[in-house]
């Protein structure tokens, strides 16, 4: 399933495909890994050492010039210029440009919540908490800036965990005319995250 990155760029992690300007492009594992990492860290410079570590792996021993080989192949396949959407900052690294107005896109809440809980599995286990998800069956996608949602949920979790006793964490949801309401219940201490629904 394609996940939108900008108005005209989407990626499919399962098939390692890029969709841009209406055409679907098959990428190699490293081309896709490079694109996905940059796209999920937009508008900031990712150093070459960071990219080698995160995309190629910390045991990769070759020169960071290999990044240019895969980046050039990616640009050629996608028909992108040398400055947009991925710009090379000489001597520093690469940056994936996303206009702020494009930084809202539809995410699958079930996948997001599962990923979020998995990211915090160690913290939850440390506090003896078992985690559950229950989302309303009639909505599973919402348009929002994913990083903003992640930061909000992380802030809620960080505030609750210091006082959490062994027990359970439950995520439940409710849909109203104007909001998607995600409730985070830690041992009957409930915090609500109210997400406006984009009706456009």
N, C-alpha and C. Protein backbone atom coordinates (compact mmCIF):
# COMPACT_ATOMS: atom_id res chain seq x y z
N UNK A 1 0.84 -1.18 0.00
CA UNK A 1 0.00 0.00 0.00
C UNK A 1 0.88 1.25 0.00
N UNK A 2 0.58 2.16 -0.91
CA UNK A 2 1.38 3.38 -1.01
C UNK A 2 1.07 4.34 0.13
N UNK A 3 2.13 4.91 0.68
CA UNK A 3 2.00 5.89 1.76
C UNK A 3 2.45 7.25 1.23
N UNK A 4 1.56 8.24 1.23
CA UNK A 4 1.93 9.55 0.69
C UNK A 4 3.04 10.21 1.50
N UNK A 5 3.97 10.85 0.79
CA UNK A 5 5.04 11.62 1.42
C UNK A 5 4.84 13.10 1.13
N UNK A 6 4.56 13.42 -0.13
CA UNK A 6 4.21 14.78 -0.53
C UNK A 6 3.00 14.68 -1.44
N UNK A 7 2.61 15.80 -2.01
CA UNK A 7 1.44 15.80 -2.90
C UNK A 7 1.62 14.87 -4.09
N UNK A 8 2.85 14.70 -4.57
CA UNK A 8 3.07 13.86 -5.76
C UNK A 8 4.10 12.76 -5.56
N UNK A 9 4.42 12.44 -4.31
CA UNK A 9 5.37 11.36 -4.03
C UNK A 9 4.77 10.45 -2.98
N UNK A 10 4.77 9.13 -3.27
CA UNK A 10 4.30 8.14 -2.31
C UNK A 10 5.22 6.93 -2.38
N UNK A 11 5.31 6.20 -1.26
CA UNK A 11 6.17 5.02 -1.23
C UNK A 11 5.41 3.81 -0.72
N UNK A 12 5.81 2.64 -1.20
CA UNK A 12 5.24 1.38 -0.76
C UNK A 12 6.37 0.55 -0.16
N UNK A 13 6.49 0.51 1.18
CA UNK A 13 7.59 -0.20 1.83
C UNK A 13 7.61 -1.70 1.55
N UNK A 14 6.44 -2.31 1.41
CA UNK A 14 6.39 -3.75 1.20
C UNK A 14 6.96 -4.14 -0.16
N UNK A 15 6.61 -3.38 -1.18
CA UNK A 15 7.08 -3.70 -2.54
C UNK A 15 8.30 -2.89 -2.96
N UNK A 16 8.77 -2.00 -2.05
CA UNK A 16 9.92 -1.14 -2.33
C UNK A 16 9.71 -0.35 -3.63
N UNK A 17 8.54 0.27 -3.71
CA UNK A 17 8.20 1.05 -4.90
C UNK A 17 8.00 2.52 -4.55
N UNK A 18 8.30 3.34 -5.53
CA UNK A 18 8.08 4.78 -5.44
C UNK A 18 7.02 5.14 -6.48
N UNK A 19 6.08 5.98 -6.09
CA UNK A 19 5.12 6.51 -7.06
C UNK A 19 5.32 8.02 -7.11
N UNK A 20 5.64 8.53 -8.29
CA UNK A 20 5.84 9.96 -8.46
C UNK A 20 5.30 10.40 -9.80
N UNK A 21 4.54 11.48 -9.79
CA UNK A 21 3.92 12.01 -10.99
C UNK A 21 3.14 10.94 -11.74
N UNK A 22 2.47 10.07 -10.99
CA UNK A 22 1.60 9.07 -11.57
C UNK A 22 2.25 7.79 -12.03
N UNK A 23 3.58 7.70 -11.99
CA UNK A 23 4.22 6.46 -12.42
C UNK A 23 4.83 5.72 -11.24
N UNK A 24 4.74 4.38 -11.29
CA UNK A 24 5.29 3.54 -10.23
C UNK A 24 6.66 3.03 -10.64
N UNK A 25 7.61 3.15 -9.73
CA UNK A 25 9.01 2.83 -10.02
C UNK A 25 9.52 1.82 -9.02
N UNK A 26 10.08 0.73 -9.52
CA UNK A 26 10.67 -0.29 -8.64
C UNK A 26 12.08 0.16 -8.25
N UNK A 27 12.38 0.08 -6.95
CA UNK A 27 13.69 0.48 -6.45
C UNK A 27 14.42 -0.72 -5.85
N UNK A 28 15.73 -0.64 -5.81
CA UNK A 28 16.50 -1.66 -5.10
C UNK A 28 16.32 -1.44 -3.61
N UNK A 29 16.74 -2.41 -2.82
CA UNK A 29 16.61 -2.29 -1.38
C UNK A 29 17.31 -1.08 -0.81
N UNK A 30 18.52 -0.80 -1.28
CA UNK A 30 19.28 0.34 -0.76
C UNK A 30 18.75 1.67 -1.28
N UNK A 31 18.31 1.70 -2.53
CA UNK A 31 17.69 2.93 -3.06
C UNK A 31 16.45 3.27 -2.24
N UNK A 32 15.63 2.24 -1.99
CA UNK A 32 14.41 2.48 -1.23
C UNK A 32 14.73 2.87 0.22
N UNK A 33 15.70 2.17 0.81
CA UNK A 33 16.08 2.49 2.19
C UNK A 33 16.56 3.92 2.33
N UNK A 34 17.34 4.38 1.38
CA UNK A 34 17.83 5.76 1.39
C UNK A 34 16.67 6.75 1.26
N UNK A 35 15.78 6.50 0.30
CA UNK A 35 14.62 7.37 0.10
C UNK A 35 13.73 7.40 1.34
N UNK A 36 13.42 6.23 1.89
CA UNK A 36 12.51 6.16 3.03
C UNK A 36 13.09 6.87 4.25
N UNK A 37 14.39 6.69 4.50
CA UNK A 37 14.99 7.34 5.67
C UNK A 37 14.97 8.86 5.52
N UNK A 38 15.35 9.33 4.34
CA UNK A 38 15.34 10.78 4.12
C UNK A 38 13.92 11.35 4.19
N UNK A 39 12.96 10.63 3.61
CA UNK A 39 11.57 11.12 3.57
C UNK A 39 10.94 11.14 4.96
N UNK A 40 11.39 10.26 5.85
CA UNK A 40 10.83 10.24 7.20
C UNK A 40 11.61 11.16 8.15
N UNK A 41 12.63 11.82 7.63
CA UNK A 41 13.36 12.84 8.40
C UNK A 41 13.47 14.09 7.53
N UNK A 42 12.31 14.66 7.14
CA UNK A 42 12.31 15.74 6.15
C UNK A 42 12.84 17.06 6.70
N UNK A 43 13.30 17.88 5.75
CA UNK A 43 13.71 19.26 6.03
C UNK A 43 14.82 19.37 7.07
N UNK A 44 15.61 18.33 7.18
CA UNK A 44 16.81 18.43 8.02
C UNK A 44 17.94 17.69 7.32
N UNK A 45 19.15 18.13 7.56
CA UNK A 45 20.30 17.52 6.90
C UNK A 45 20.66 16.21 7.60
N UNK A 46 20.67 15.13 6.82
CA UNK A 46 21.10 13.82 7.33
C UNK A 46 22.54 13.62 6.88
N UNK A 47 23.44 13.45 7.82
CA UNK A 47 24.85 13.30 7.47
C UNK A 47 25.09 11.97 6.76
N UNK A 48 26.19 11.88 6.05
CA UNK A 48 26.53 10.64 5.34
C UNK A 48 26.78 9.50 6.33
N UNK A 49 27.43 9.82 7.44
CA UNK A 49 27.68 8.78 8.44
C UNK A 49 26.37 8.26 9.02
N UNK A 50 25.41 9.15 9.25
CA UNK A 50 24.10 8.76 9.75
C UNK A 50 23.40 7.85 8.75
N UNK A 51 23.46 8.21 7.47
CA UNK A 51 22.81 7.41 6.43
C UNK A 51 23.44 6.03 6.31
N UNK A 52 24.76 5.99 6.36
CA UNK A 52 25.45 4.69 6.30
C UNK A 52 25.00 3.82 7.46
N UNK A 53 24.96 4.41 8.66
CA UNK A 53 24.59 3.65 9.86
C UNK A 53 23.15 3.18 9.80
N UNK A 54 22.23 4.07 9.41
CA UNK A 54 20.80 3.74 9.46
C UNK A 54 20.31 2.94 8.26
N UNK A 55 20.90 3.15 7.09
CA UNK A 55 20.42 2.47 5.87
C UNK A 55 21.27 1.24 5.54
N UNK A 56 22.58 1.42 5.57
CA UNK A 56 23.47 0.31 5.22
C UNK A 56 23.77 -0.58 6.43
N UNK A 57 23.76 0.01 7.61
CA UNK A 57 24.07 -0.75 8.83
C UNK A 57 25.44 -0.40 9.36
N UNK A 58 25.59 -0.46 10.67
CA UNK A 58 26.82 -0.01 11.32
C UNK A 58 28.04 -0.85 10.94
N UNK A 59 27.82 -2.06 10.43
CA UNK A 59 28.96 -2.91 10.06
C UNK A 59 29.45 -2.65 8.64
N UNK A 60 28.79 -1.76 7.93
CA UNK A 60 29.19 -1.44 6.56
C UNK A 60 30.54 -0.72 6.60
N UNK A 61 31.51 -1.22 5.86
CA UNK A 61 32.87 -0.71 5.95
C UNK A 61 33.33 0.15 4.78
N UNK A 62 32.46 0.32 3.78
CA UNK A 62 32.91 0.99 2.57
C UNK A 62 32.79 2.51 2.66
N UNK A 63 33.38 3.16 1.68
CA UNK A 63 33.38 4.62 1.63
C UNK A 63 31.96 5.17 1.48
N UNK A 64 31.69 6.33 2.12
CA UNK A 64 30.36 6.92 2.05
C UNK A 64 30.00 7.39 0.64
N UNK A 65 30.96 7.36 -0.29
CA UNK A 65 30.67 7.71 -1.68
C UNK A 65 29.66 6.76 -2.31
N UNK A 66 29.47 5.59 -1.70
CA UNK A 66 28.47 4.65 -2.22
C UNK A 66 27.08 5.26 -2.16
N UNK A 67 26.87 6.21 -1.24
CA UNK A 67 25.58 6.89 -1.15
C UNK A 67 25.27 7.59 -2.47
N UNK A 68 26.28 8.25 -3.04
CA UNK A 68 26.07 8.98 -4.29
C UNK A 68 25.66 8.06 -5.43
N UNK A 69 26.22 6.86 -5.45
CA UNK A 69 25.90 5.90 -6.50
C UNK A 69 24.40 5.57 -6.45
N UNK A 70 23.90 5.26 -5.25
CA UNK A 70 22.49 4.90 -5.11
C UNK A 70 21.58 6.11 -5.25
N UNK A 71 22.03 7.27 -4.79
CA UNK A 71 21.24 8.49 -4.93
C UNK A 71 21.09 8.86 -6.41
N UNK A 72 22.18 8.77 -7.16
CA UNK A 72 22.13 9.08 -8.60
C UNK A 72 21.19 8.13 -9.34
N UNK A 73 21.22 6.85 -8.95
CA UNK A 73 20.32 5.87 -9.57
C UNK A 73 18.86 6.20 -9.24
N UNK A 74 18.62 6.58 -7.99
CA UNK A 74 17.27 6.95 -7.57
C UNK A 74 16.78 8.17 -8.32
N UNK A 75 17.62 9.19 -8.42
CA UNK A 75 17.23 10.41 -9.15
C UNK A 75 16.95 10.11 -10.62
N UNK A 76 17.78 9.27 -11.20
CA UNK A 76 17.60 8.94 -12.62
C UNK A 76 16.27 8.21 -12.84
N UNK A 77 15.97 7.23 -12.00
CA UNK A 77 14.73 6.48 -12.13
C UNK A 77 13.50 7.37 -11.94
N UNK A 78 13.59 8.28 -10.96
CA UNK A 78 12.44 9.14 -10.63
C UNK A 78 12.34 10.38 -11.51
N UNK A 79 13.43 10.70 -12.22
CA UNK A 79 13.44 11.91 -13.03
C UNK A 79 13.57 13.18 -12.19
N UNK A 80 14.26 13.06 -11.05
CA UNK A 80 14.43 14.20 -10.15
C UNK A 80 15.70 14.98 -10.46
N UNK A 81 15.67 16.26 -10.11
CA UNK A 81 16.85 17.10 -10.30
C UNK A 81 17.83 16.85 -9.15
N UNK A 82 18.95 17.57 -9.18
CA UNK A 82 19.96 17.40 -8.14
C UNK A 82 19.65 18.20 -6.88
N UNK A 83 18.56 18.97 -6.91
CA UNK A 83 18.24 19.77 -5.73
C UNK A 83 16.86 19.51 -5.15
N UNK A 84 15.96 18.88 -5.91
CA UNK A 84 14.61 18.62 -5.41
C UNK A 84 14.14 17.24 -5.87
N UNK A 85 13.49 16.48 -5.01
CA UNK A 85 13.23 16.80 -3.61
C UNK A 85 14.42 16.53 -2.70
N UNK A 86 15.41 15.76 -3.19
CA UNK A 86 16.58 15.47 -2.37
C UNK A 86 17.73 16.36 -2.81
N UNK A 87 18.25 17.12 -1.89
CA UNK A 87 19.36 18.03 -2.19
C UNK A 87 20.63 17.55 -1.49
N UNK A 88 21.72 17.59 -2.23
CA UNK A 88 23.02 17.27 -1.64
C UNK A 88 23.64 18.55 -1.10
N UNK A 89 23.93 18.56 0.19
CA UNK A 89 24.58 19.70 0.82
C UNK A 89 26.06 19.35 0.91
N UNK A 90 26.86 19.99 0.08
CA UNK A 90 28.26 19.62 -0.05
C UNK A 90 28.99 19.61 1.29
N UNK A 91 29.67 18.50 1.55
CA UNK A 91 30.45 18.38 2.76
C UNK A 91 29.63 18.14 4.02
N UNK A 92 28.31 18.04 3.88
CA UNK A 92 27.47 17.90 5.07
C UNK A 92 26.56 16.67 5.00
N UNK A 93 25.78 16.55 3.95
CA UNK A 93 24.88 15.41 3.84
C UNK A 93 23.75 15.67 2.86
N UNK A 94 22.61 15.05 3.08
CA UNK A 94 21.47 15.14 2.19
C UNK A 94 20.25 15.63 2.95
N UNK A 95 19.36 16.33 2.24
CA UNK A 95 18.11 16.79 2.85
C UNK A 95 16.96 16.52 1.89
N UNK A 96 15.87 15.99 2.43
CA UNK A 96 14.66 15.75 1.66
C UNK A 96 13.71 16.90 1.94
N UNK A 97 13.42 17.70 0.91
CA UNK A 97 12.59 18.89 1.08
C UNK A 97 11.11 18.56 1.00
N UNK A 98 10.36 18.97 2.02
CA UNK A 98 8.91 18.88 2.00
C UNK A 98 8.38 20.24 2.43
N UNK A 99 7.54 20.82 1.57
CA UNK A 99 6.92 22.08 1.93
C UNK A 99 6.01 21.85 3.12
N UNK A 100 5.94 22.80 4.03
CA UNK A 100 5.13 22.63 5.24
C UNK A 100 3.67 22.34 4.91
N UNK A 101 3.16 22.95 3.86
CA UNK A 101 1.76 22.71 3.51
C UNK A 101 1.53 21.28 3.03
N UNK A 102 2.61 20.58 2.64
CA UNK A 102 2.49 19.21 2.19
C UNK A 102 2.71 18.20 3.31
N UNK A 103 3.00 18.69 4.50
CA UNK A 103 3.44 17.81 5.56
C UNK A 103 2.29 17.16 6.32
N UNK A 104 1.09 17.21 5.74
CA UNK A 104 -0.06 16.51 6.31
C UNK A 104 -0.48 15.43 5.33
N UNK A 105 -0.59 14.21 5.81
CA UNK A 105 -1.05 13.17 4.92
C UNK A 105 -1.76 12.08 5.70
N UNK A 106 -2.42 11.21 4.97
CA UNK A 106 -3.26 10.20 5.59
C UNK A 106 -2.42 9.05 6.13
N UNK A 107 -2.67 8.70 7.38
CA UNK A 107 -1.97 7.57 7.98
C UNK A 107 -3.00 6.54 8.44
N UNK A 108 -2.58 5.30 8.47
CA UNK A 108 -3.43 4.22 8.96
C UNK A 108 -3.25 4.15 10.47
N UNK A 109 -4.33 4.44 11.21
CA UNK A 109 -4.22 4.52 12.67
C UNK A 109 -3.90 3.19 13.32
N UNK A 110 -4.44 2.11 12.78
CA UNK A 110 -4.15 0.79 13.35
C UNK A 110 -2.65 0.52 13.26
N UNK A 111 -2.07 0.77 12.09
CA UNK A 111 -0.64 0.55 11.90
C UNK A 111 0.18 1.50 12.76
N UNK A 112 -0.28 2.76 12.82
CA UNK A 112 0.45 3.75 13.60
C UNK A 112 0.47 3.38 15.08
N UNK A 113 -0.71 3.02 15.61
CA UNK A 113 -0.79 2.67 17.03
C UNK A 113 0.03 1.43 17.34
N UNK A 114 -0.01 0.44 16.45
CA UNK A 114 0.78 -0.77 16.67
C UNK A 114 2.27 -0.45 16.65
N UNK A 115 2.68 0.38 15.70
CA UNK A 115 4.09 0.76 15.61
C UNK A 115 4.51 1.56 16.84
N UNK A 116 3.63 2.47 17.28
CA UNK A 116 3.93 3.31 18.43
C UNK A 116 4.12 2.46 19.69
N UNK A 117 3.21 1.49 19.88
CA UNK A 117 3.34 0.60 21.05
C UNK A 117 4.59 -0.25 20.96
N UNK A 118 4.92 -0.69 19.74
CA UNK A 118 6.12 -1.50 19.57
C UNK A 118 7.38 -0.70 19.89
N UNK A 119 7.38 0.58 19.48
CA UNK A 119 8.53 1.45 19.76
C UNK A 119 8.75 1.62 21.26
N UNK A 120 7.65 1.54 22.03
CA UNK A 120 7.75 1.75 23.47
C UNK A 120 7.62 0.45 24.26
N UNK A 121 7.83 -0.68 23.57
CA UNK A 121 7.64 -1.98 24.22
C UNK A 121 8.53 -2.13 25.46
N UNK A 122 9.78 -1.70 25.36
CA UNK A 122 10.70 -1.85 26.48
C UNK A 122 10.25 -1.01 27.68
N UNK A 123 9.84 0.24 27.40
CA UNK A 123 9.36 1.11 28.48
C UNK A 123 8.13 0.52 29.15
N UNK A 124 7.22 -0.01 28.34
CA UNK A 124 5.99 -0.57 28.90
C UNK A 124 6.29 -1.82 29.73
N UNK A 125 7.17 -2.68 29.22
CA UNK A 125 7.52 -3.89 29.96
C UNK A 125 8.23 -3.56 31.26
N UNK A 126 9.07 -2.51 31.22
CA UNK A 126 9.78 -2.09 32.43
C UNK A 126 8.80 -1.73 33.54
N UNK A 127 7.67 -1.16 33.15
CA UNK A 127 6.65 -0.77 34.13
C UNK A 127 5.61 -1.87 34.34
N UNK A 128 5.83 -3.03 33.74
CA UNK A 128 4.91 -4.15 33.93
C UNK A 128 3.56 -3.94 33.29
N UNK A 129 3.51 -3.18 32.19
CA UNK A 129 2.24 -2.88 31.54
C UNK A 129 2.04 -3.75 30.31
N UNK A 130 0.86 -4.31 30.18
CA UNK A 130 0.47 -5.01 28.96
C UNK A 130 -0.32 -4.03 28.10
N UNK A 131 -0.08 -4.01 26.80
CA UNK A 131 -0.69 -3.01 25.93
C UNK A 131 -1.74 -3.65 25.02
N UNK A 132 -2.85 -2.92 24.81
CA UNK A 132 -3.94 -3.38 23.95
C UNK A 132 -4.37 -2.24 23.03
N UNK A 133 -4.86 -2.60 21.86
CA UNK A 133 -5.39 -1.61 20.92
C UNK A 133 -6.84 -1.98 20.59
N UNK A 134 -7.72 -1.00 20.63
CA UNK A 134 -9.09 -1.23 20.15
C UNK A 134 -9.54 0.03 19.42
N UNK A 135 -9.52 -0.02 18.10
CA UNK A 135 -9.94 1.13 17.30
C UNK A 135 -11.32 0.87 16.71
N UNK A 136 -12.07 1.95 16.52
CA UNK A 136 -13.40 1.81 15.95
C UNK A 136 -13.32 1.17 14.58
N UNK A 137 -14.23 0.24 14.27
CA UNK A 137 -14.13 -0.48 13.00
C UNK A 137 -14.48 0.37 11.77
N UNK A 138 -15.13 1.51 11.98
CA UNK A 138 -15.59 2.27 10.81
C UNK A 138 -14.65 3.41 10.43
N UNK A 139 -13.52 3.51 11.07
CA UNK A 139 -12.51 4.48 10.61
C UNK A 139 -11.14 3.92 10.94
N UNK A 140 -10.25 3.92 9.97
CA UNK A 140 -8.89 3.46 10.26
C UNK A 140 -7.84 4.38 9.65
N UNK A 141 -8.28 5.46 9.02
CA UNK A 141 -7.33 6.40 8.47
C UNK A 141 -7.72 7.81 8.85
N UNK A 142 -6.73 8.66 8.97
CA UNK A 142 -6.98 10.06 9.31
C UNK A 142 -5.88 10.90 8.71
N UNK A 143 -6.20 12.14 8.34
CA UNK A 143 -5.20 13.02 7.75
C UNK A 143 -4.61 13.91 8.84
N UNK A 144 -3.32 13.77 9.04
CA UNK A 144 -2.62 14.50 10.10
C UNK A 144 -1.13 14.46 9.81
N UNK A 145 -0.38 15.34 10.44
CA UNK A 145 1.08 15.27 10.34
C UNK A 145 1.54 14.15 11.28
N UNK A 146 2.03 13.05 10.75
CA UNK A 146 2.37 11.89 11.60
C UNK A 146 3.38 12.22 12.70
N UNK A 147 4.37 13.03 12.38
CA UNK A 147 5.38 13.35 13.39
C UNK A 147 4.76 14.14 14.55
N UNK A 148 3.80 15.01 14.23
CA UNK A 148 3.12 15.76 15.28
C UNK A 148 2.31 14.82 16.17
N UNK A 149 1.62 13.85 15.56
CA UNK A 149 0.86 12.87 16.33
C UNK A 149 1.78 12.05 17.22
N UNK A 150 2.90 11.62 16.65
CA UNK A 150 3.86 10.81 17.41
C UNK A 150 4.39 11.60 18.61
N UNK A 151 4.71 12.86 18.40
CA UNK A 151 5.24 13.68 19.49
C UNK A 151 4.20 13.87 20.60
N UNK A 152 2.93 14.09 20.20
CA UNK A 152 1.87 14.23 21.19
C UNK A 152 1.70 12.96 22.01
N UNK A 153 1.68 11.82 21.33
CA UNK A 153 1.47 10.56 22.03
C UNK A 153 2.67 10.24 22.92
N UNK A 154 3.87 10.53 22.45
CA UNK A 154 5.06 10.30 23.26
C UNK A 154 5.04 11.18 24.51
N UNK A 155 4.57 12.41 24.35
CA UNK A 155 4.49 13.32 25.50
C UNK A 155 3.50 12.79 26.54
N UNK A 156 2.35 12.28 26.06
CA UNK A 156 1.36 11.71 26.98
C UNK A 156 1.95 10.51 27.71
N UNK A 157 2.60 9.63 26.96
CA UNK A 157 3.18 8.44 27.56
C UNK A 157 4.26 8.80 28.57
N UNK A 158 5.11 9.76 28.21
CA UNK A 158 6.19 10.17 29.12
C UNK A 158 5.63 10.75 30.41
N UNK A 159 4.51 11.47 30.32
CA UNK A 159 3.90 12.06 31.50
C UNK A 159 3.27 11.00 32.40
N UNK A 160 2.71 9.96 31.79
CA UNK A 160 2.00 8.94 32.57
C UNK A 160 2.90 7.85 33.13
N UNK A 161 3.93 7.45 32.39
CA UNK A 161 4.74 6.31 32.81
C UNK A 161 5.42 6.46 34.16
N UNK A 162 5.95 7.64 34.50
CA UNK A 162 6.63 7.72 35.80
C UNK A 162 5.75 7.31 36.98
N UNK A 163 4.43 7.49 36.85
CA UNK A 163 3.52 7.14 37.94
C UNK A 163 2.76 5.83 37.71
N UNK A 164 3.08 5.15 36.59
CA UNK A 164 2.31 3.96 36.24
C UNK A 164 2.72 2.77 37.10
N UNK A 165 1.71 2.05 37.59
CA UNK A 165 1.94 0.81 38.32
C UNK A 165 1.73 -0.35 37.36
N UNK A 166 2.27 -1.54 37.67
CA UNK A 166 2.02 -2.69 36.79
C UNK A 166 0.52 -2.85 36.54
N UNK A 167 0.17 -3.15 35.33
CA UNK A 167 -1.24 -3.27 34.98
C UNK A 167 -1.43 -3.31 33.49
N UNK A 168 -2.23 -2.39 32.94
CA UNK A 168 -2.52 -2.43 31.52
C UNK A 168 -2.52 -1.03 30.92
N UNK A 169 -2.25 -0.99 29.63
CA UNK A 169 -2.40 0.22 28.83
C UNK A 169 -3.36 -0.13 27.70
N UNK A 170 -4.39 0.66 27.53
CA UNK A 170 -5.35 0.41 26.46
C UNK A 170 -5.51 1.66 25.59
N UNK A 171 -5.53 1.44 24.31
CA UNK A 171 -5.85 2.51 23.36
C UNK A 171 -7.25 2.23 22.82
N UNK A 172 -8.16 3.16 22.98
CA UNK A 172 -9.50 3.02 22.41
C UNK A 172 -9.82 4.29 21.64
N UNK A 173 -10.83 4.21 20.80
CA UNK A 173 -11.12 5.36 19.96
C UNK A 173 -12.61 5.63 19.87
N UNK A 174 -12.92 6.88 19.52
CA UNK A 174 -14.31 7.28 19.31
C UNK A 174 -14.33 8.32 18.19
N UNK A 175 -15.33 8.22 17.34
CA UNK A 175 -15.46 9.14 16.23
C UNK A 175 -16.64 10.07 16.45
N UNK A 176 -16.41 11.38 16.34
CA UNK A 176 -17.50 12.35 16.40
C UNK A 176 -17.58 13.02 15.03
N UNK A 177 -18.45 13.99 14.91
CA UNK A 177 -18.61 14.69 13.63
C UNK A 177 -17.33 15.43 13.26
N UNK A 178 -16.63 15.95 14.23
CA UNK A 178 -15.47 16.79 13.94
C UNK A 178 -14.13 16.26 14.41
N UNK A 179 -14.12 15.22 15.27
CA UNK A 179 -12.86 14.75 15.84
C UNK A 179 -12.77 13.22 15.86
N UNK A 180 -11.56 12.76 15.77
CA UNK A 180 -11.25 11.37 16.11
C UNK A 180 -10.61 11.44 17.49
N UNK A 181 -11.18 10.73 18.47
CA UNK A 181 -10.71 10.82 19.85
C UNK A 181 -10.02 9.52 20.22
N UNK A 182 -8.75 9.60 20.53
CA UNK A 182 -7.96 8.45 20.94
C UNK A 182 -7.76 8.54 22.44
N UNK A 183 -8.23 7.55 23.18
CA UNK A 183 -8.11 7.54 24.63
C UNK A 183 -6.97 6.62 25.04
N UNK A 184 -6.10 7.12 25.89
CA UNK A 184 -4.99 6.33 26.41
C UNK A 184 -5.28 6.07 27.88
N UNK A 185 -5.54 4.82 28.21
CA UNK A 185 -5.93 4.43 29.57
C UNK A 185 -4.80 3.62 30.19
N UNK A 186 -4.16 4.19 31.19
CA UNK A 186 -3.15 3.44 31.95
C UNK A 186 -3.70 3.24 33.35
N UNK A 187 -4.10 1.99 33.63
CA UNK A 187 -4.64 1.65 34.95
C UNK A 187 -5.74 2.61 35.38
N UNK A 188 -6.68 2.85 34.48
CA UNK A 188 -7.85 3.71 34.73
C UNK A 188 -7.52 5.19 34.82
N UNK A 189 -6.30 5.58 34.53
CA UNK A 189 -5.96 7.00 34.36
C UNK A 189 -6.04 7.29 32.88
N UNK A 190 -7.02 8.08 32.47
CA UNK A 190 -7.31 8.24 31.04
C UNK A 190 -6.89 9.62 30.55
N UNK A 191 -6.18 9.62 29.43
CA UNK A 191 -5.85 10.86 28.73
C UNK A 191 -6.43 10.77 27.34
N UNK A 192 -6.99 11.87 26.85
CA UNK A 192 -7.58 11.88 25.53
C UNK A 192 -6.76 12.71 24.56
N UNK A 193 -6.63 12.19 23.37
CA UNK A 193 -5.97 12.88 22.27
C UNK A 193 -7.04 13.18 21.24
N UNK A 194 -7.39 14.44 21.06
CA UNK A 194 -8.47 14.81 20.13
C UNK A 194 -7.85 15.28 18.82
N UNK A 195 -8.14 14.55 17.75
CA UNK A 195 -7.54 14.83 16.45
C UNK A 195 -8.62 15.35 15.51
N UNK A 196 -8.51 16.61 15.05
CA UNK A 196 -9.52 17.13 14.11
C UNK A 196 -9.52 16.32 12.82
N UNK A 197 -10.69 16.09 12.28
CA UNK A 197 -10.82 15.35 11.03
C UNK A 197 -10.75 16.32 9.87
N UNK A 198 -9.87 16.01 8.93
CA UNK A 198 -9.74 16.81 7.72
C UNK A 198 -10.80 16.33 6.74
N UNK A 199 -11.77 17.15 6.44
CA UNK A 199 -12.90 16.73 5.58
C UNK A 199 -12.67 17.03 4.11
N UNK A 200 -11.52 17.57 3.78
CA UNK A 200 -11.29 17.93 2.38
C UNK A 200 -11.02 16.70 1.53
